[in-house]
């Protein structure tokens, strides 16, 4: 089978690896905000990147890892066209063709491999994102 791949204006994607699952009472969660994400780089070691993801009252801590092999994020497009030279009403026979477009490339993943911290309180003592580091030279 011939698979056509078209490289559009690709975007950089990052994979999220979570331990557990995301559940919602809504039937569709596509396009909804998952939570707040904060990424901090260690000034002494630029390869040491820590990530925090706060979903509702849970705080997950993880790291940014470079993938050994990049992963293409693709979208499948099925095209339906009437077959030329056929007898019968127009559109009676339809030929389908499939095409894949590259939406982006993932070179990194955020790996959240620990159990989340649970915050049942608000205000002082609640699980919060880590503080913003001071600006360089300050």
C-alpha atoms as a PDB file:
ATOM      1  CA  UNK A   1       0.000   0.000   0.000  1.00  0.00           C
ATOM      2  CA  UNK A   2       1.260   3.471  -0.848  1.00  0.00           C
ATOM      3  CA  UNK A   3       1.047   5.923   2.027  1.00  0.00           C
ATOM      4  CA  UNK A   4       1.479   9.557   1.122  1.00  0.00           C
ATOM      5  CA  UNK A   5       2.967  11.753   3.795  1.00  0.00           C
ATOM      6  CA  UNK A   6       2.938  15.511   3.535  1.00  0.00           C
ATOM      7  CA  UNK A   7       5.110  17.576   5.852  1.00  0.00           C
ATOM      8  CA  UNK A   8       3.238  20.739   6.771  1.00  0.00           C
ATOM      9  CA  UNK A   9       4.448  23.552   8.947  1.00  0.00           C
ATOM     10  CA  UNK A  10       5.286  21.149  11.793  1.00  0.00           C
ATOM     11  CA  UNK A  11       5.193  22.037  15.450  1.00  0.00           C
ATOM     12  CA  UNK A  12       7.246  20.738  18.355  1.00  0.00           C
ATOM     13  CA  UNK A  13       5.219  18.475  20.657  1.00  0.00           C
ATOM     14  CA  UNK A  14       6.048  17.075  24.095  1.00  0.00           C
ATOM     15  CA  UNK A  15       4.609  13.774  25.342  1.00  0.00           C
ATOM     16  CA  UNK A  16       3.161  13.469  28.842  1.00  0.00           C
ATOM     17  CA  UNK A  17       3.729  10.159  30.621  1.00  0.00           C
ATOM     18  CA  UNK A  18       1.551   9.785  33.685  1.00  0.00           C
ATOM     19  CA  UNK A  19       1.157   6.906  36.130  1.00  0.00           C
ATOM     20  CA  UNK A  20      -2.575   6.334  36.340  1.00  0.00           C
ATOM     21  CA  UNK A  21      -5.338   7.780  34.212  1.00  0.00           C
ATOM     22  CA  UNK A  22      -7.226  11.016  33.706  1.00  0.00           C
ATOM     23  CA  UNK A  23     -10.955  10.691  34.361  1.00  0.00           C
ATOM     24  CA  UNK A  24     -13.670  13.238  33.748  1.00  0.00           C
ATOM     25  CA  UNK A  25     -17.424  13.402  34.212  1.00  0.00           C
ATOM     26  CA  UNK A  26     -17.645  15.138  30.839  1.00  0.00           C
ATOM     27  CA  UNK A  27     -18.147  12.959  27.759  1.00  0.00           C
ATOM     28  CA  UNK A  28     -15.449  14.823  25.780  1.00  0.00           C
ATOM     29  CA  UNK A  29     -12.317  16.427  27.257  1.00  0.00           C
ATOM     30  CA  UNK A  30     -10.578  17.360  24.013  1.00  0.00           C
ATOM     31  CA  UNK A  31      -9.584  21.018  24.083  1.00  0.00           C
ATOM     32  CA  UNK A  32     -10.213  21.460  27.808  1.00  0.00           C
ATOM     33  CA  UNK A  33      -7.536  22.738  30.177  1.00  0.00           C
ATOM     34  CA  UNK A  34      -5.909  19.802  31.970  1.00  0.00           C
ATOM     35  CA  UNK A  35      -4.178  21.798  34.681  1.00  0.00           C
ATOM     36  CA  UNK A  36      -1.275  24.140  35.331  1.00  0.00           C
ATOM     37  CA  UNK A  37       2.213  23.202  34.191  1.00  0.00           C
ATOM     38  CA  UNK A  38       5.466  24.695  35.436  1.00  0.00           C
ATOM     39  CA  UNK A  39       8.911  23.871  34.066  1.00  0.00           C
ATOM     40  CA  UNK A  40      12.141  24.886  35.816  1.00  0.00           C
ATOM     41  CA  UNK A  41      15.707  24.366  34.627  1.00  0.00           C
ATOM     42  CA  UNK A  42      18.546  23.957  37.111  1.00  0.00           C
ATOM     43  CA  UNK A  43      20.898  26.917  36.456  1.00  0.00           C
ATOM     44  CA  UNK A  44      23.897  24.755  37.445  1.00  0.00           C
ATOM     45  CA  UNK A  45      22.892  21.878  35.125  1.00  0.00           C
ATOM     46  CA  UNK A  46      20.784  22.879  32.064  1.00  0.00           C
ATOM     47  CA  UNK A  47      20.015  19.197  31.370  1.00  0.00           C
ATOM     48  CA  UNK A  48      18.275  18.900  34.761  1.00  0.00           C
ATOM     49  CA  UNK A  49      14.737  20.071  33.974  1.00  0.00           C
ATOM     50  CA  UNK A  50      11.953  19.552  36.534  1.00  0.00           C
ATOM     51  CA  UNK A  51       8.249  19.710  35.734  1.00  0.00           C
ATOM     52  CA  UNK A  52       5.225  20.182  37.973  1.00  0.00           C
ATOM     53  CA  UNK A  53       1.669  19.562  36.839  1.00  0.00           C
ATOM     54  CA  UNK A  54      -1.224  20.591  39.082  1.00  0.00           C
ATOM     55  CA  UNK A  55      -4.525  18.943  38.175  1.00  0.00           C
ATOM     56  CA  UNK A  56      -7.329  19.994  40.485  1.00  0.00           C
ATOM     57  CA  UNK A  57      -6.060  19.326  44.017  1.00  0.00           C
ATOM     58  CA  UNK A  58      -3.211  17.013  42.967  1.00  0.00           C
ATOM     59  CA  UNK A  59       0.378  18.002  42.248  1.00  0.00           C
ATOM     60  CA  UNK A  60       2.597  15.773  40.117  1.00  0.00           C
ATOM     61  CA  UNK A  61       6.381  16.157  39.936  1.00  0.00           C
ATOM     62  CA  UNK A  62       8.368  14.904  36.966  1.00  0.00           C
ATOM     63  CA  UNK A  63      11.347  15.384  34.705  1.00  0.00           C
ATOM     64  CA  UNK A  64      11.875  16.307  31.062  1.00  0.00           C
ATOM     65  CA  UNK A  65      13.536  13.488  29.123  1.00  0.00           C
ATOM     66  CA  UNK A  66      14.840  13.565  25.557  1.00  0.00           C
ATOM     67  CA  UNK A  67      13.514  10.667  23.470  1.00  0.00           C
ATOM     68  CA  UNK A  68      16.068   8.373  21.811  1.00  0.00           C
ATOM     69  CA  UNK A  69      14.093   8.555  18.559  1.00  0.00           C
ATOM     70  CA  UNK A  70      11.736  11.433  17.678  1.00  0.00           C
ATOM     71  CA  UNK A  71       8.076  10.521  17.215  1.00  0.00           C
ATOM     72  CA  UNK A  72       5.982  11.970  14.381  1.00  0.00           C
ATOM     73  CA  UNK A  73       2.471  13.048  15.360  1.00  0.00           C
ATOM     74  CA  UNK A  74       0.307  12.276  12.341  1.00  0.00           C
ATOM     75  CA  UNK A  75      -3.264  12.932  11.250  1.00  0.00           C
ATOM     76  CA  UNK A  76      -5.129  10.502   8.985  1.00  0.00           C
ATOM     77  CA  UNK A  77      -7.197  12.070   6.188  1.00  0.00           C
ATOM     78  CA  UNK A  78      -9.610   9.938   4.153  1.00  0.00           C
ATOM     79  CA  UNK A  79     -10.687  11.478   0.848  1.00  0.00           C
ATOM     80  CA  UNK A  80     -13.780  10.268  -0.997  1.00  0.00           C
ATOM     81  CA  UNK A  81     -13.979  11.010  -4.740  1.00  0.00           C
ATOM     82  CA  UNK A  82     -16.496   9.855  -7.362  1.00  0.00           C
ATOM     83  CA  UNK A  83     -15.072   7.327  -9.814  1.00  0.00           C
ATOM     84  CA  UNK A  84     -14.848   8.773 -13.333  1.00  0.00           C
ATOM     85  CA  UNK A  85     -16.262   6.864 -16.298  1.00  0.00           C
ATOM     86  CA  UNK A  86     -18.802   4.834 -14.336  1.00  0.00           C
ATOM     87  CA  UNK A  87     -22.434   4.406 -15.287  1.00  0.00           C
ATOM     88  CA  UNK A  88     -25.255   5.398 -13.020  1.00  0.00           C
ATOM     89  CA  UNK A  89     -26.084   8.527 -11.053  1.00  0.00           C
ATOM     90  CA  UNK A  90     -23.237  10.867 -10.118  1.00  0.00           C
ATOM     91  CA  UNK A  91     -21.482   9.768  -6.956  1.00  0.00           C
ATOM     92  CA  UNK A  92     -22.861   6.241  -7.189  1.00  0.00           C
ATOM     93  CA  UNK A  93     -19.375   4.772  -6.993  1.00  0.00           C
ATOM     94  CA  UNK A  94     -16.931   6.432  -4.652  1.00  0.00           C
ATOM     95  CA  UNK A  95     -13.230   5.777  -4.429  1.00  0.00           C
ATOM     96  CA  UNK A  96     -11.535   6.417  -1.112  1.00  0.00           C
ATOM     97  CA  UNK A  97      -7.906   7.364  -0.740  1.00  0.00           C
ATOM     98  CA  UNK A  98      -5.958   7.879   2.464  1.00  0.00           C
ATOM     99  CA  UNK A  99      -3.349  10.486   3.198  1.00  0.00           C
ATOM    100  CA  UNK A 100      -1.319  11.208   6.356  1.00  0.00           C
ATOM    101  CA  UNK A 101      -0.156  14.647   7.372  1.00  0.00           C
ATOM    102  CA  UNK A 102       2.540  15.259   9.970  1.00  0.00           C
ATOM    103  CA  UNK A 103       1.107  17.582  12.594  1.00  0.00           C
ATOM    104  CA  UNK A 104       4.260  17.780  14.687  1.00  0.00           C
ATOM    105  CA  UNK A 105       7.344  16.070  16.035  1.00  0.00           C
ATOM    106  CA  UNK A 106       7.883  14.994  19.654  1.00  0.00           C
ATOM    107  CA  UNK A 107      11.521  14.958  20.772  1.00  0.00           C
ATOM    108  CA  UNK A 108      10.914  15.118  24.539  1.00  0.00           C
ATOM    109  CA  UNK A 109       8.566  13.656  27.120  1.00  0.00           C
ATOM    110  CA  UNK A 110       7.566  14.847  30.557  1.00  0.00           C
ATOM    111  CA  UNK A 111       7.802  11.804  32.807  1.00  0.00           C
ATOM    112  CA  UNK A 112       5.661  11.955  35.953  1.00  0.00           C
ATOM    113  CA  UNK A 113       6.528   8.690  37.707  1.00  0.00           C
ATOM    114  CA  UNK A 114       5.710   9.449  41.350  1.00  0.00           C
ATOM    115  CA  UNK A 115       2.424   9.419  43.204  1.00  0.00           C
ATOM    116  CA  UNK A 116       0.728  12.816  43.262  1.00  0.00           C
ATOM    117  CA  UNK A 117       0.752  15.035  46.328  1.00  0.00           C
ATOM    118  CA  UNK A 118      -2.813  15.559  47.501  1.00  0.00           C
ATOM    119  CA  UNK A 119      -4.067  18.896  48.722  1.00  0.00           C
ATOM    120  CA  UNK A 120      -7.420  18.937  50.486  1.00  0.00           C
ATOM    121  CA  UNK A 121      -6.904  22.387  51.968  1.00  0.00           C
ATOM    122  CA  UNK A 122      -6.679  25.808  50.408  1.00  0.00           C
ATOM    123  CA  UNK A 123      -4.383  28.573  51.483  1.00  0.00           C
ATOM    124  CA  UNK A 124      -1.346  27.888  53.687  1.00  0.00           C
ATOM    125  CA  UNK A 125      -0.182  24.293  53.565  1.00  0.00           C
ATOM    126  CA  UNK A 126      -1.903  23.484  50.269  1.00  0.00           C
ATOM    127  CA  UNK A 127       0.041  21.755  47.507  1.00  0.00           C
ATOM    128  CA  UNK A 128       1.173  24.543  45.221  1.00  0.00           C
ATOM    129  CA  UNK A 129       3.462  24.926  42.293  1.00  0.00           C
ATOM    130  CA  UNK A 130       7.086  25.636  43.262  1.00  0.00           C
ATOM    131  CA  UNK A 131       8.028  29.293  43.577  1.00  0.00           C
ATOM    132  CA  UNK A 132       9.456  31.152  40.614  1.00  0.00           C
ATOM    133  CA  UNK A 133      13.278  31.242  40.807  1.00  0.00           C
ATOM    134  CA  UNK A 134      14.935  34.665  41.082  1.00  0.00           C
ATOM    135  CA  UNK A 135      16.026  36.217  37.784  1.00  0.00           C
ATOM    136  CA  UNK A 136      19.674  35.609  36.752  1.00  0.00           C
ATOM    137  CA  UNK A 137      22.049  38.022  38.454  1.00  0.00           C
ATOM    138  CA  UNK A 138      19.394  39.024  40.983  1.00  0.00           C
END
